[in-house]
Amino acid sequence: MELFNYFQTCVWADIIDIDNKMLEKEIYNFSLNNPQGQTFSNVGGYQGYSFVNQEWVDKVAHKVPTLDEKPISKLTLYTWANINRKGNYNKRHVHMDPGIFLCGVYYVKAPENSGNIRFFDPRGPLMGSMQDHNYFFGGHAHQFITPKEGLLLFFPSWLEHDVEPNNSDEDRISIAFNVVVDKI
């Protein structure tokens, strides 16, 4: 029997080889020089927009998922640094802007129990009660990815996600970003 897998939602994962201790130091210095930060989805913690480390940007830009037959002409990363201390988390949200190609997060420091990222089923909450969904996919309304140092994730901007509270005594440090392209 042939199976057609329609409407799948992709989340891409890779590892970046970079000096995370150096990035951690830069992010802490950035937060000291830009103490105000912003509040969007974060509950507690620090979000500092426009954090840039060019080596990191170049490595991430090189990893942006593309199709060989549809190259992307030019892309820009809009970044922000996150420092989530014990008890800090991020509320459920999307990055809803039609100009965003993909979103992503890179984990600079991710101690054990520092909070998983959770992606919600985009088909809505009613899916959990459907027999086929329960039978074939276990009825899950969301999926978790446990962060680890060096992990890079890309996902669609419309995919709802949140981050669990940091239950570690150490900070979880990440760089979140939106990928914007000139032309597809």
Protein backbone atom coordinates (compact mmCIF):
# COMPACT_ATOMS: atom_id res chain seq x y z
CA MET A 1 0.00 0.00 0.00
CA GLU A 2 1.27 3.47 -0.85
CA LEU A 3 1.31 6.13 1.88
CA PHE A 4 0.99 9.86 1.16
CA ASN A 5 2.36 11.94 4.02
CA TYR A 6 0.55 15.27 3.67
CA PHE A 7 0.92 18.38 5.79
CA GLN A 8 3.97 17.25 7.71
CA THR A 9 5.74 19.80 9.87
CA CYS A 10 9.53 19.82 9.67
CA VAL A 11 11.92 20.70 12.46
CA TRP A 12 15.56 20.50 11.40
CA ALA A 13 18.36 19.80 13.89
CA ASP A 14 22.13 19.98 13.57
CA ILE A 15 25.20 20.61 15.70
CA ILE A 16 27.49 23.61 15.25
CA ASP A 17 31.14 23.43 16.16
CA ILE A 18 32.00 26.78 17.76
CA ASP A 19 33.56 27.98 21.01
CA ASN A 20 30.46 28.14 23.22
CA LYS A 21 32.41 29.43 26.23
CA MET A 22 33.40 32.45 24.12
CA LEU A 23 29.76 32.93 23.02
CA GLU A 24 28.58 32.63 26.63
CA LYS A 25 31.02 35.35 27.70
CA GLU A 26 29.94 37.60 24.80
CA ILE A 27 26.26 37.16 25.68
CA TYR A 28 26.82 38.01 29.34
CA ASN A 29 28.82 41.11 28.28
CA PHE A 30 26.06 42.01 25.80
CA SER A 31 23.46 41.78 28.58
CA LEU A 32 25.55 44.04 30.82
CA ASN A 33 25.87 46.64 28.04
CA ASN A 34 22.18 46.33 27.11
CA PRO A 35 20.55 45.68 30.50
CA GLN A 36 17.04 46.75 29.53
CA GLY A 37 16.47 43.83 27.18
CA GLN A 38 13.00 43.16 25.83
CA THR A 39 10.02 41.13 26.91
CA PHE A 40 8.08 39.14 24.39
CA SER A 41 7.59 35.50 25.28
CA ASN A 42 10.00 35.37 28.19
CA VAL A 43 8.78 35.12 31.77
CA GLY A 44 11.78 36.29 33.73
CA GLY A 45 15.13 35.92 32.10
CA TYR A 46 16.79 38.19 29.58
CA GLN A 47 16.11 38.71 25.86
CA GLY A 48 18.56 41.04 24.19
CA TYR A 49 17.89 41.84 20.54
CA SER A 50 20.55 42.32 17.88
CA PHE A 51 23.24 40.16 19.50
CA VAL A 52 25.73 39.33 16.75
CA ASN A 53 28.80 37.14 16.61
CA GLN A 54 29.83 37.02 12.95
CA GLU A 55 31.48 33.58 13.13
CA TRP A 56 28.26 32.14 14.59
CA VAL A 57 26.08 33.99 12.02
CA ASP A 58 28.17 32.61 9.16
CA LYS A 59 27.95 29.03 10.49
CA VAL A 60 24.17 29.24 11.00
CA ALA A 61 23.59 30.87 7.59
CA HIS A 62 25.47 27.98 6.01
CA LYS A 63 23.12 25.48 7.71
CA VAL A 64 19.77 27.05 6.71
CA PRO A 65 17.73 24.25 5.09
CA THR A 66 17.13 24.74 1.38
CA LEU A 67 16.14 22.71 -1.65
CA ASP A 68 18.85 22.14 -4.26
CA GLU A 69 16.45 23.05 -7.06
CA LYS A 70 15.34 26.27 -5.30
CA PRO A 71 18.38 28.17 -4.06
CA ILE A 72 17.91 31.24 -1.86
CA SER A 73 19.40 34.46 -3.20
CA LYS A 74 20.22 36.27 0.05
CA LEU A 75 19.36 35.70 3.67
CA THR A 76 19.61 37.73 6.86
CA LEU A 77 19.49 36.51 10.45
CA TYR A 78 17.70 38.66 13.03
CA THR A 79 18.99 37.47 16.38
CA TRP A 80 18.45 37.83 20.09
CA ALA A 81 20.32 36.40 23.06
CA ASN A 82 18.44 34.63 25.85
CA ILE A 83 19.57 34.04 29.40
CA ASN A 84 17.08 31.98 31.39
CA ARG A 85 17.90 31.60 35.05
CA LYS A 86 16.27 29.16 37.45
CA GLY A 87 12.47 29.37 37.13
CA ASN A 88 12.53 31.41 33.88
CA TYR A 89 10.65 30.15 30.84
CA ASN A 90 9.08 31.21 27.54
CA LYS A 91 5.32 31.30 26.95
CA ARG A 92 3.65 29.64 24.00
CA HIS A 93 4.07 31.80 20.91
CA VAL A 94 4.74 31.97 17.16
CA HIS A 95 6.90 34.29 15.07
CA MET A 96 4.06 35.46 12.87
CA ASP A 97 5.42 37.61 10.11
CA PRO A 98 5.02 36.65 6.45
CA GLY A 99 8.55 37.91 5.79
CA ILE A 100 10.13 35.23 7.97
CA PHE A 101 11.40 32.20 6.07
CA LEU A 102 12.31 30.05 9.12
CA CYS A 103 12.94 30.52 12.83
CA GLY A 104 15.58 28.91 14.94
CA VAL A 105 17.39 28.58 18.20
CA TYR A 106 20.96 27.67 19.07
CA TYR A 107 21.91 26.40 22.53
CA VAL A 108 25.10 27.98 23.86
CA LYS A 109 24.67 26.47 27.32
CA ALA A 110 22.01 23.92 28.24
CA PRO A 111 22.50 22.27 31.63
CA GLU A 112 20.45 19.21 32.52
CA ASN A 113 16.86 20.12 33.53
CA SER A 114 17.16 23.62 32.07
CA GLY A 115 13.89 23.30 30.12
CA ASN A 116 12.85 21.55 26.93
CA ILE A 117 11.52 23.35 23.90
CA ARG A 118 8.01 22.14 23.12
CA PHE A 119 6.38 22.25 19.68
CA PHE A 120 2.58 22.07 19.46
CA ASP A 121 0.63 20.11 16.85
CA PRO A 122 -0.39 22.77 14.30
CA ARG A 123 -3.60 20.90 13.47
CA GLY A 124 -5.12 22.02 16.77
CA PRO A 125 -6.21 20.52 20.07
CA LEU A 126 -9.02 18.38 18.64
CA MET A 127 -6.48 16.02 17.07
CA GLY A 128 -5.85 14.43 20.48
CA SER A 129 -9.36 12.96 20.50
CA MET A 130 -9.24 11.48 17.01
CA GLN A 131 -8.95 7.68 16.82
CA ASP A 132 -6.50 7.61 13.91
CA HIS A 133 -4.20 10.13 15.61
CA ASN A 134 -4.22 8.08 18.80
CA TYR A 135 -3.66 4.81 16.95
CA PHE A 136 -0.88 5.88 14.57
CA PHE A 137 0.84 8.67 16.52
CA GLY A 138 0.04 8.11 20.20
CA GLY A 139 -2.31 11.09 20.42
CA HIS A 140 0.41 13.58 21.33
CA ALA A 141 -0.57 17.26 21.15
CA HIS A 142 3.06 18.35 21.36
CA GLN A 143 6.62 17.11 20.99
CA PHE A 144 9.66 18.00 23.10
CA ILE A 145 13.29 18.47 22.17
CA THR A 146 15.79 18.48 25.01
CA PRO A 147 18.40 21.17 24.46
CA LYS A 148 22.09 20.44 24.54
CA GLU A 149 25.11 22.63 24.03
CA GLY A 150 25.80 23.14 20.33
CA LEU A 151 22.31 22.10 19.16
CA LEU A 152 20.87 24.18 16.31
CA LEU A 153 17.16 23.96 15.45
CA PHE A 154 15.23 25.42 12.52
CA PHE A 155 11.41 25.41 12.36
CA PRO A 156 8.54 27.19 10.58
CA SER A 157 7.62 30.61 11.96
CA TRP A 158 3.96 29.58 12.36
CA LEU A 159 4.77 26.54 14.53
CA GLU A 160 3.63 27.25 18.09
CA HIS A 161 6.30 26.59 20.69
CA ASP A 162 7.27 27.35 24.26
CA VAL A 163 10.13 26.55 26.61
CA GLU A 164 9.69 24.84 29.95
CA PRO A 165 10.97 26.46 33.14
CA ASN A 166 14.66 26.18 33.86
CA ASN A 167 14.85 23.85 36.86
CA SER A 168 18.64 23.91 36.93
CA ASP A 169 20.74 26.09 39.23
CA GLU A 170 22.70 27.15 36.13
CA ASP A 171 21.62 29.54 33.38
CA ARG A 172 20.32 28.24 30.06
CA ILE A 173 21.79 30.44 27.32
CA SER A 174 20.56 30.42 23.75
CA ILE A 175 20.52 32.55 20.64
CA ALA A 176 17.15 32.70 18.91
CA PHE A 177 16.73 34.03 15.39
CA ASN A 178 14.49 34.63 12.43
CA VAL A 179 15.74 33.92 8.92
CA VAL A 180 14.58 36.47 6.33
CA VAL A 181 15.28 35.95 2.63
CA ASP A 182 15.20 38.42 -0.23
CA LYS A 183 13.64 36.11 -2.79
CA ILE A 184 12.66 32.48 -2.97
